C-alpha atoms as a PDB file:
ATOM      1  CA  MET A   1     -26.723 -21.349  24.631  1.00  0.00           C
ATOM      2  CA  GLN A   2     -26.074 -18.037  26.319  1.00  0.00           C
ATOM      3  CA  SER A   3     -28.149 -17.590  29.432  1.00  0.00           C
ATOM      4  CA  LYS A   4     -30.561 -14.683  29.264  1.00  0.00           C
ATOM      5  CA  ILE A   5     -30.824 -14.389  33.049  1.00  0.00           C
ATOM      6  CA  GLY A   6     -29.949 -10.815  33.889  1.00  0.00           C
ATOM      7  CA  ASN A   7     -29.348  -9.930  30.253  1.00  0.00           C
ATOM      8  CA  ARG A   8     -31.807  -7.133  29.594  1.00  0.00           C
ATOM      9  CA  PRO A   9     -32.890  -6.008  26.117  1.00  0.00           C
ATOM     10  CA  LEU A  10     -31.751  -2.641  24.835  1.00  0.00           C
ATOM     11  CA  ALA A  11     -34.288   0.114  24.196  1.00  0.00           C
ATOM     12  CA  PRO A  12     -35.829  -0.290  20.719  1.00  0.00           C
ATOM     13  CA  LEU A  13     -34.722   3.218  19.689  1.00  0.00           C
ATOM     14  CA  LEU A  14     -31.106   2.515  20.656  1.00  0.00           C
ATOM     15  CA  ARG A  15     -31.149  -0.773  18.768  1.00  0.00           C
ATOM     16  CA  ALA A  16     -32.595   0.958  15.699  1.00  0.00           C
ATOM     17  CA  LEU A  17     -29.834   3.570  15.853  1.00  0.00           C
ATOM     18  CA  LEU A  18     -27.238   0.821  16.103  1.00  0.00           C
ATOM     19  CA  TRP A  19     -28.652  -0.821  12.982  1.00  0.00           C
ATOM     20  CA  LEU A  20     -28.480   2.571  11.256  1.00  0.00           C
ATOM     21  CA  THR A  21     -24.839   2.929  12.286  1.00  0.00           C
ATOM     22  CA  VAL A  22     -23.791  -0.429  10.830  1.00  0.00           C
ATOM     23  CA  PRO A  23     -24.171   0.442   7.090  1.00  0.00           C
ATOM     24  CA  ILE A  24     -22.533   3.833   7.713  1.00  0.00           C
ATOM     25  CA  LEU A  25     -19.467   2.176   9.246  1.00  0.00           C
ATOM     26  CA  LEU A  26     -19.292  -0.616   6.687  1.00  0.00           C
ATOM     27  CA  GLY A  27     -19.942   1.787   3.808  1.00  0.00           C
ATOM     28  CA  ALA A  28     -17.269   4.259   4.898  1.00  0.00           C
ATOM     29  CA  GLY A  29     -14.800   1.485   5.674  1.00  0.00           C
ATOM     30  CA  GLY A  30     -15.437  -0.380   2.443  1.00  0.00           C
ATOM     31  CA  ALA A  31     -15.097   2.777   0.360  1.00  0.00           C
ATOM     32  CA  LEU A  32     -11.834   3.807   2.025  1.00  0.00           C
ATOM     33  CA  PHE A  33     -10.296   0.338   1.901  1.00  0.00           C
ATOM     34  CA  PHE A  34     -11.504  -1.011  -1.441  1.00  0.00           C
ATOM     35  CA  PHE A  35     -12.233   2.165  -3.442  1.00  0.00           C
ATOM     36  CA  PRO A  36      -9.796   4.771  -2.088  1.00  0.00           C
ATOM     37  CA  ASP A  37      -9.574   6.726  -5.361  1.00  0.00           C
ATOM     38  CA  TRP A  38     -13.307   7.388  -5.091  1.00  0.00           C
ATOM     39  CA  ALA A  39     -13.448   7.902  -1.308  1.00  0.00           C
ATOM     40  CA  ARG A  40     -10.422  10.113  -0.669  1.00  0.00           C
ATOM     41  CA  PRO A  41     -11.649  13.168  -2.649  1.00  0.00           C
ATOM     42  CA  ARG A  42     -14.942  12.963  -0.727  1.00  0.00           C
ATOM     43  CA  TRP A  43     -13.517  12.496   2.784  1.00  0.00           C
ATOM     44  CA  PRO A  44     -13.892  15.408   5.252  1.00  0.00           C
ATOM     45  CA  TRP A  45     -10.142  16.138   5.154  1.00  0.00           C
ATOM     46  CA  GLU A  46      -7.190  15.404   2.881  1.00  0.00           C
ATOM     47  CA  LEU A  47      -6.281  11.760   3.271  1.00  0.00           C
ATOM     48  CA  ALA A  48      -3.112  10.003   2.071  1.00  0.00           C
ATOM     49  CA  PRO A  49      -3.401   6.432   0.689  1.00  0.00           C
ATOM     50  CA  PHE A  50      -2.005   4.641   3.750  1.00  0.00           C
ATOM     51  CA  ASN A  51      -4.232   6.624   6.095  1.00  0.00           C
ATOM     52  CA  ALA A  52      -7.244   5.820   3.924  1.00  0.00           C
ATOM     53  CA  ALA A  53      -6.519   2.084   4.139  1.00  0.00           C
ATOM     54  CA  PHE A  54      -5.976   2.228   7.898  1.00  0.00           C
ATOM     55  CA  LEU A  55      -9.167   4.175   8.560  1.00  0.00           C
ATOM     56  CA  GLY A  56     -10.996   1.775   6.251  1.00  0.00           C
ATOM     57  CA  ALA A  57      -9.684  -1.138   8.305  1.00  0.00           C
ATOM     58  CA  PHE A  58     -10.947   0.446  11.501  1.00  0.00           C
ATOM     59  CA  TYR A  59     -14.422   1.274  10.212  1.00  0.00           C
ATOM     60  CA  LEU A  60     -14.880  -2.180   8.691  1.00  0.00           C
ATOM     61  CA  SER A  61     -13.902  -3.848  11.960  1.00  0.00           C
ATOM     62  CA  ALA A  62     -16.052  -1.462  14.017  1.00  0.00           C
ATOM     63  CA  GLY A  63     -19.010  -2.090  11.726  1.00  0.00           C
ATOM     64  CA  ALA A  64     -18.705  -5.832  12.270  1.00  0.00           C
ATOM     65  CA  GLY A  65     -18.634  -5.439  16.058  1.00  0.00           C
ATOM     66  CA  VAL A  66     -21.602  -3.057  16.098  1.00  0.00           C
ATOM     67  CA  ALA A  67     -23.525  -5.450  13.821  1.00  0.00           C
ATOM     68  CA  VAL A  68     -23.156  -8.241  16.403  1.00  0.00           C
ATOM     69  CA  LEU A  69     -24.364  -5.835  19.098  1.00  0.00           C
ATOM     70  CA  ALA A  70     -27.346  -4.696  17.027  1.00  0.00           C
ATOM     71  CA  PHE A  71     -28.285  -8.292  16.255  1.00  0.00           C
ATOM     72  CA  ALA A  72     -28.058  -9.313  19.923  1.00  0.00           C
ATOM     73  CA  GLY A  73     -29.962  -6.223  21.065  1.00  0.00           C
ATOM     74  CA  ALA A  74     -29.081  -6.877  24.713  1.00  0.00           C
ATOM     75  CA  TRP A  75     -26.916  -5.556  27.542  1.00  0.00           C
ATOM     76  CA  TRP A  76     -24.441  -8.342  26.876  1.00  0.00           C
ATOM     77  CA  PRO A  77     -22.522  -7.384  24.640  1.00  0.00           C
ATOM     78  CA  ALA A  78     -23.592  -3.720  24.920  1.00  0.00           C
ATOM     79  CA  ARG A  79     -21.780  -3.320  28.258  1.00  0.00           C
ATOM     80  CA  VAL A  80     -18.476  -3.944  26.411  1.00  0.00           C
ATOM     81  CA  ILE A  81     -19.153  -2.263  23.043  1.00  0.00           C
ATOM     82  CA  LEU A  82     -21.033   0.890  24.116  1.00  0.00           C
ATOM     83  CA  PRO A  83     -18.160   2.250  26.261  1.00  0.00           C
ATOM     84  CA  MET A  84     -15.844   1.751  23.282  1.00  0.00           C
ATOM     85  CA  ILE A  85     -18.211   3.686  21.005  1.00  0.00           C
ATOM     86  CA  PHE A  86     -18.626   6.465  23.579  1.00  0.00           C
ATOM     87  CA  VAL A  87     -14.898   6.973  24.213  1.00  0.00           C
ATOM     88  CA  PHE A  88     -13.994   6.839  20.529  1.00  0.00           C
ATOM     89  CA  THR A  89     -16.689   9.198  19.281  1.00  0.00           C
ATOM     90  CA  ALA A  90     -16.361  11.677  22.164  1.00  0.00           C
ATOM     91  CA  THR A  91     -12.587  11.860  21.699  1.00  0.00           C
ATOM     92  CA  LEU A  92     -12.855  12.202  17.917  1.00  0.00           C
ATOM     93  CA  LEU A  93     -15.402  14.980  18.366  1.00  0.00           C
ATOM     94  CA  LEU A  94     -12.930  16.857  20.573  1.00  0.00           C
ATOM     95  CA  PHE A  95     -10.108  16.305  18.084  1.00  0.00           C
ATOM     96  CA  SER A  96     -12.331  17.467  15.242  1.00  0.00           C
ATOM     97  CA  LEU A  97     -13.287  20.678  17.010  1.00  0.00           C
ATOM     98  CA  LEU A  98      -9.670  21.432  17.914  1.00  0.00           C
ATOM     99  CA  GLU A  99      -8.473  20.644  14.376  1.00  0.00           C
ATOM    100  CA  ALA A 100     -11.403  22.177  12.483  1.00  0.00           C
ATOM    101  CA  ARG A 101      -8.970  23.918  10.138  1.00  0.00           C
ATOM    102  CA  ARG A 102      -8.147  20.537   8.599  1.00  0.00           C
ATOM    103  CA  PHE A 103     -11.721  19.938   7.480  1.00  0.00           C
ATOM    104  CA  ILE A 104     -12.952  20.822   4.013  1.00  0.00           C
ATOM    105  CA  PHE A 105     -16.359  22.435   4.501  1.00  0.00           C
ATOM    106  CA  THR A 106     -17.191  22.360   0.805  1.00  0.00           C
ATOM    107  CA  ARG A 107     -17.642  18.587   1.108  1.00  0.00           C
ATOM    108  CA  TRP A 108     -20.987  17.293   2.377  1.00  0.00           C
ATOM    109  CA  ALA A 109     -19.223  14.474   4.233  1.00  0.00           C
ATOM    110  CA  THR A 110     -17.760  17.054   6.615  1.00  0.00           C
ATOM    111  CA  TYR A 111     -21.208  18.005   7.879  1.00  0.00           C
ATOM    112  CA  GLY A 112     -22.159  14.342   8.132  1.00  0.00           C
ATOM    113  CA  TRP A 113     -18.991  13.737  10.148  1.00  0.00           C
ATOM    114  CA  PHE A 114     -19.798  16.388  12.745  1.00  0.00           C
ATOM    115  CA  LEU A 115     -23.433  15.290  12.930  1.00  0.00           C
ATOM    116  CA  ILE A 116     -22.485  11.674  13.588  1.00  0.00           C
ATOM    117  CA  TYR A 117     -19.708  12.460  16.045  1.00  0.00           C
ATOM    118  CA  LEU A 118     -21.925  14.854  17.952  1.00  0.00           C
ATOM    119  CA  GLY A 119     -24.881  12.480  18.111  1.00  0.00           C
ATOM    120  CA  LEU A 120     -23.180   9.179  18.959  1.00  0.00           C
ATOM    121  CA  PRO A 121     -21.438  10.240  22.177  1.00  0.00           C
ATOM    122  CA  ILE A 122     -24.676  11.785  23.430  1.00  0.00           C
ATOM    123  CA  ILE A 123     -26.751   8.696  22.574  1.00  0.00           C
ATOM    124  CA  THR A 124     -24.254   6.158  23.916  1.00  0.00           C
ATOM    125  CA  GLY A 125     -23.507   8.272  26.991  1.00  0.00           C
ATOM    126  CA  LEU A 126     -27.188   8.446  27.887  1.00  0.00           C
ATOM    127  CA  ALA A 127     -27.578   4.710  27.269  1.00  0.00           C
ATOM    128  CA  LEU A 128     -24.634   3.887  29.525  1.00  0.00           C
ATOM    129  CA  TRP A 129     -26.030   6.123  32.262  1.00  0.00           C
ATOM    130  CA  ARG A 130     -29.434   4.450  31.980  1.00  0.00           C
ATOM    131  CA  CYS A 131     -27.843   0.992  32.177  1.00  0.00           C
ATOM    132  CA  ARG A 132     -25.230   1.827  34.800  1.00  0.00           C
ATOM    133  CA  ASP A 133     -26.712  -0.577  37.373  1.00  0.00           C
ATOM    134  CA  TRP A 134     -27.408  -3.446  34.995  1.00  0.00           C
ATOM    135  CA  PRO A 135     -25.571  -6.676  35.930  1.00  0.00           C
ATOM    136  CA  ALA A 136     -22.456  -8.184  34.389  1.00  0.00           C
ATOM    137  CA  PRO A 137     -22.698 -11.768  33.077  1.00  0.00           C
ATOM    138  CA  GLN A 138     -21.599 -13.414  36.325  1.00  0.00           C
ATOM    139  CA  ALA A 139     -22.619 -16.820  34.975  1.00  0.00           C
ATOM    140  CA  TYR A 140     -19.599 -16.575  32.660  1.00  0.00           C
ATOM    141  CA  PRO A 141     -16.461 -15.944  34.737  1.00  0.00           C
ATOM    142  CA  THR A 142     -13.322 -15.534  32.642  1.00  0.00           C
ATOM    143  CA  PRO A 143     -10.841 -18.379  33.280  1.00  0.00           C
ATOM    144  CA  PRO A 144      -7.441 -17.328  34.710  1.00  0.00           C
ATOM    145  CA  GLY A 145      -5.508 -18.153  31.546  1.00  0.00           C
ATOM    146  CA  TRP A 146      -7.768 -16.031  29.382  1.00  0.00           C
ATOM    147  CA  ARG A 147      -7.858 -13.286  31.997  1.00  0.00           C
ATOM    148  CA  ASN A 148      -4.076 -13.026  32.035  1.00  0.00           C
ATOM    149  CA  TRP A 149      -3.864 -12.965  28.248  1.00  0.00           C
ATOM    150  CA  LEU A 150      -6.572 -10.330  27.888  1.00  0.00           C
ATOM    151  CA  LEU A 151      -5.020  -8.130  30.559  1.00  0.00           C
ATOM    152  CA  GLY A 152      -1.594  -8.508  28.961  1.00  0.00           C
ATOM    153  CA  VAL A 153      -2.807  -7.509  25.502  1.00  0.00           C
ATOM    154  CA  MET A 154      -4.904  -4.745  27.082  1.00  0.00           C
ATOM    155  CA  ALA A 155      -1.821  -3.340  28.824  1.00  0.00           C
ATOM    156  CA  VAL A 156       0.199  -3.358  25.602  1.00  0.00           C
ATOM    157  CA  MET A 157      -2.541  -1.662  23.589  1.00  0.00           C
ATOM    158  CA  GLY A 158      -3.360   0.838  26.322  1.00  0.00           C
ATOM    159  CA  LEU A 159       0.272   1.794  26.860  1.00  0.00           C
ATOM    160  CA  TYR A 160       0.914   2.051  23.125  1.00  0.00           C
ATOM    161  CA  GLY A 161      -2.132   4.269  22.656  1.00  0.00           C
ATOM    162  CA  PHE A 162      -1.086   6.487  25.571  1.00  0.00           C
ATOM    163  CA  VAL A 163       2.456   6.948  24.260  1.00  0.00           C
ATOM    164  CA  LEU A 164       1.186   7.515  20.719  1.00  0.00           C
ATOM    165  CA  PHE A 165      -1.126  10.233  22.042  1.00  0.00           C
ATOM    166  CA  LEU A 166       1.699  11.981  23.901  1.00  0.00           C
ATOM    167  CA  PHE A 167       4.323  11.633  21.149  1.00  0.00           C
ATOM    168  CA  PRO A 168       2.410  11.104  17.898  1.00  0.00           C
ATOM    169  CA  THR A 169       5.143  12.116  15.471  1.00  0.00           C
ATOM    170  CA  VAL A 170       7.918  10.323  17.395  1.00  0.00           C
ATOM    171  CA  ILE A 171       6.046   7.016  17.588  1.00  0.00           C
ATOM    172  CA  GLY A 172       4.535   7.614  14.142  1.00  0.00           C
ATOM    173  CA  ALA A 173       8.027   7.708  12.643  1.00  0.00           C
ATOM    174  CA  TYR A 174       8.211   3.951  13.294  1.00  0.00           C
ATOM    175  CA  TRP A 175       4.976   3.190  11.494  1.00  0.00           C
ATOM    176  CA  PRO A 176       5.095   1.799   7.945  1.00  0.00           C
ATOM    177  CA  TRP A 177       4.227   5.334   6.846  1.00  0.00           C
ATOM    178  CA  PRO A 178       5.001   8.586   8.728  1.00  0.00           C
ATOM    179  CA  LEU A 179       2.172  10.001  10.850  1.00  0.00           C
ATOM    180  CA  ASP A 180       1.476  13.664  11.454  1.00  0.00           C
ATOM    181  CA  GLU A 181       0.285  14.886  14.844  1.00  0.00           C
ATOM    182  CA  PHE A 182      -3.422  14.864  13.971  1.00  0.00           C
ATOM    183  CA  HIS A 183      -3.530  11.315  12.627  1.00  0.00           C
ATOM    184  CA  GLY A 184      -1.210  10.001  15.331  1.00  0.00           C
ATOM    185  CA  ARG A 185      -3.446  11.271  18.130  1.00  0.00           C
ATOM    186  CA  ALA A 186      -6.611  10.149  16.338  1.00  0.00           C
ATOM    187  CA  TYR A 187      -5.186   6.650  15.875  1.00  0.00           C
ATOM    188  CA  SER A 188      -4.114   6.488  19.525  1.00  0.00           C
ATOM    189  CA  VAL A 189      -7.810   6.308  20.421  1.00  0.00           C
ATOM    190  CA  ILE A 190      -8.184   3.121  18.368  1.00  0.00           C
ATOM    191  CA  PHE A 191      -5.698   1.389  20.665  1.00  0.00           C
ATOM    192  CA  THR A 192      -7.320   2.914  23.737  1.00  0.00           C
ATOM    193  CA  VAL A 193     -10.818   1.663  22.924  1.00  0.00           C
ATOM    194  CA  GLY A 194      -9.410  -1.752  22.064  1.00  0.00           C
ATOM    195  CA  ALA A 195      -7.866  -1.874  25.528  1.00  0.00           C
ATOM    196  CA  ILE A 196     -11.187  -0.809  27.080  1.00  0.00           C
ATOM    197  CA  GLY A 197     -12.965  -3.658  25.313  1.00  0.00           C
ATOM    198  CA  LEU A 198     -10.465  -6.278  26.468  1.00  0.00           C
ATOM    199  CA  LEU A 199     -10.658  -4.969  30.033  1.00  0.00           C
ATOM    200  CA  GLY A 200     -14.424  -5.420  29.881  1.00  0.00           C
ATOM    201  CA  LEU A 201     -13.940  -9.162  29.288  1.00  0.00           C
ATOM    202  CA  ALA A 202     -11.272  -9.711  31.933  1.00  0.00           C
ATOM    203  CA  GLN A 203     -13.575 -10.668  34.826  1.00  0.00           C
ATOM    204  CA  PHE A 204     -16.780 -11.828  33.114  1.00  0.00           C
ATOM    205  CA  SER A 205     -17.330 -12.535  29.430  1.00  0.00           C
ATOM    206  CA  ALA A 206     -20.547 -13.818  27.895  1.00  0.00           C
ATOM    207  CA  PRO A 207     -20.295 -15.580  24.502  1.00  0.00           C
ATOM    208  CA  GLY A 208     -21.946 -12.724  22.604  1.00  0.00           C
ATOM    209  CA  GLU A 209     -19.417 -10.274  24.029  1.00  0.00           C
ATOM    210  CA  ARG A 210     -16.524 -12.423  22.921  1.00  0.00           C
ATOM    211  CA  MET A 211     -17.999 -12.724  19.452  1.00  0.00           C
ATOM    212  CA  ALA A 212     -18.536  -8.978  19.066  1.00  0.00           C
ATOM    213  CA  LEU A 213     -15.099  -7.994  20.307  1.00  0.00           C
ATOM    214  CA  GLY A 214     -13.394 -10.976  18.700  1.00  0.00           C
ATOM    215  CA  LEU A 215     -14.794 -10.170  15.279  1.00  0.00           C
ATOM    216  CA  ALA A 216     -13.866  -6.487  15.569  1.00  0.00           C
ATOM    217  CA  THR A 217     -10.369  -7.205  16.902  1.00  0.00           C
ATOM    218  CA  SER A 218      -9.492  -9.904  14.388  1.00  0.00           C
ATOM    219  CA  LEU A 219     -10.711  -7.846  11.423  1.00  0.00           C
ATOM    220  CA  MET A 220      -8.800  -4.789  12.625  1.00  0.00           C
ATOM    221  CA  GLY A 221      -5.588  -6.790  12.794  1.00  0.00           C
ATOM    222  CA  LEU A 222      -6.179  -8.456   9.435  1.00  0.00           C
ATOM    223  CA  PHE A 223      -7.219  -5.366   7.460  1.00  0.00           C
ATOM    224  CA  ALA A 224      -4.539  -3.140   9.024  1.00  0.00           C
ATOM    225  CA  ILE A 225      -1.803  -5.503   7.875  1.00  0.00           C
ATOM    226  CA  PHE A 226      -3.243  -6.165   4.429  1.00  0.00           C
ATOM    227  CA  GLY A 227      -3.941  -2.464   3.941  1.00  0.00           C
ATOM    228  CA  VAL A 228      -0.245  -1.677   4.233  1.00  0.00           C
ATOM    229  CA  VAL A 229       0.698  -4.527   1.895  1.00  0.00           C
ATOM    230  CA  ILE A 230      -1.886  -3.531  -0.719  1.00  0.00           C
ATOM    231  CA  VAL A 231      -1.028   0.176  -0.741  1.00  0.00           C
ATOM    232  CA  ASP A 232       2.720  -0.443  -0.769  1.00  0.00           C
ATOM    233  CA  ALA A 233       2.396  -2.856  -3.675  1.00  0.00           C
ATOM    234  CA  SER A 234       1.906   0.172  -5.941  1.00  0.00           C
ATOM    235  CA  ARG A 235       3.931   2.785  -4.018  1.00  0.00           C
ATOM    236  CA  HIS A 236       6.973   0.901  -2.702  1.00  0.00           C
ATOM    237  CA  VAL A 237       7.716   3.279   0.152  1.00  0.00           C
ATOM    238  CA  VAL A 238       7.586   1.008   3.212  1.00  0.00           C
ATOM    239  CA  ALA A 239      11.024   0.206   4.638  1.00  0.00           C
ATOM    240  CA  TRP A 240      10.410  -3.496   5.250  1.00  0.00           C
ATOM    241  CA  GLY A 241      13.860  -3.899   6.788  1.00  0.00           C
ATOM    242  CA  ASN A 242      13.000  -1.436   9.555  1.00  0.00           C
ATOM    243  CA  ALA A 243      12.470  -3.118  12.936  1.00  0.00           C
ATOM    244  CA  GLY A 244       9.791  -0.544  13.795  1.00  0.00           C
ATOM    245  CA  VAL A 245       7.685  -1.707  10.855  1.00  0.00           C
ATOM    246  CA  TRP A 246       7.824  -5.302  12.049  1.00  0.00           C
ATOM    247  CA  LEU A 247       6.939  -4.303  15.587  1.00  0.00           C
ATOM    248  CA  TRP A 248       3.904  -2.501  14.158  1.00  0.00           C
ATOM    249  CA  LEU A 249       2.957  -5.593  12.174  1.00  0.00           C
ATOM    250  CA  ALA A 250       3.426  -7.755  15.273  1.00  0.00           C
ATOM    251  CA  LEU A 251       1.090  -5.511  17.261  1.00  0.00           C
ATOM    252  CA  PHE A 252      -1.712  -6.043  14.774  1.00  0.00           C
ATOM    253  CA  ALA A 253      -0.884  -9.731  14.391  1.00  0.00           C
ATOM    254  CA  ILE A 254      -1.446 -10.079  18.156  1.00  0.00           C
ATOM    255  CA  GLN A 255      -4.821  -8.382  17.758  1.00  0.00           C
ATOM    256  CA  PHE A 256      -5.705 -10.734  14.905  1.00  0.00           C
ATOM    257  CA  VAL A 257      -4.791 -13.849  16.908  1.00  0.00           C
ATOM    258  CA  THR A 258      -6.558 -12.553  20.031  1.00  0.00           C
ATOM    259  CA  GLY A 259      -9.696 -11.838  18.028  1.00  0.00           C
ATOM    260  CA  LEU A 260      -9.699 -15.307  16.470  1.00  0.00           C
ATOM    261  CA  GLY A 261      -9.296 -16.817  19.932  1.00  0.00           C
ATOM    262  CA  LEU A 262     -12.287 -14.880  21.243  1.00  0.00           C
ATOM    263  CA  ILE A 263     -14.401 -16.013  18.279  1.00  0.00           C
ATOM    264  CA  TRP A 264     -13.378 -19.624  18.874  1.00  0.00           C
ATOM    265  CA  TRP A 265     -14.143 -19.295  22.583  1.00  0.00           C
ATOM    266  CA  SER A 266     -17.555 -17.795  21.899  1.00  0.00           C
ATOM    267  CA  SER A 267     -18.692 -20.710  19.759  1.00  0.00           C
ATOM    268  CA  ALA A 268     -21.719 -22.707  20.925  1.00  0.00           C
ATOM    269  CA  GLY A 269     -19.669 -25.860  21.059  1.00  0.00           C
ATOM    270  CA  ARG A 270     -17.451 -24.385  23.764  1.00  0.00           C
ATOM    271  CA  ALA A 271     -20.236 -22.755  25.799  1.00  0.00           C
ATOM    272  CA  GLY A 272     -20.635 -25.764  28.046  1.00  0.00           C
ATOM    273  CA  SER A 273     -17.055 -25.491  29.275  1.00  0.00           C
ATOM    274  CA  GLU A 274     -17.307 -21.857  30.386  1.00  0.00           C
ATOM    275  CA  GLY A 275     -16.276 -20.956  33.901  1.00  0.00           C
END
């Protein structure tokens, strides 16, 4: 069992807001991924089929990770997940304000988008400030082998996100579908927050943290790959012989495998061998 020593409970209001966020993420992700013909005309901006599937993959995976955090209701795994939420939502808010011309203000979802992406960075930022001196799970040091793997994957994801942000259309040309500047820079943040989460586990990593990040990471890898396969099954536009496409698939396959490993490591049966 995970030790509760030093693991403080989150404020009830924050935990309630996290529970409120879970159905929003899962609902948006499920609609985009499984019912794109219904979701796309209601999304805050015009969304192509591949982009709808990819965003759906992200929101489904994020919803799973936040659900683990809400259920735990404690600083571990909040110390790993809250920084990811803060960076993602704050960056998306900035992108949204700079690219406001892309948004369709006759759709109610647009106003919901700005409300959510204004509120979440404020709430998570305040929570992180309040908890800034709370302890890491020092009872669960990350073994060297895992530390090296996590830092390696973190470096790949962080570097890829950074380059995608700087050169969105250049890097996006090697995706299974071409990315415009807006989507390329928005997607770069997904890789950045993934790297932040892995870095958070590199020194200490309590079981609940591994479960939250492992579930989110594995689902992101799985749904990203299957999203491309499903959409292309009816559109036949992906150049499967292109090396760039396979590098993209490999990147998400690594995330999938890493996430499964974290879930396996977090299991109660392995807890006794930690550290």
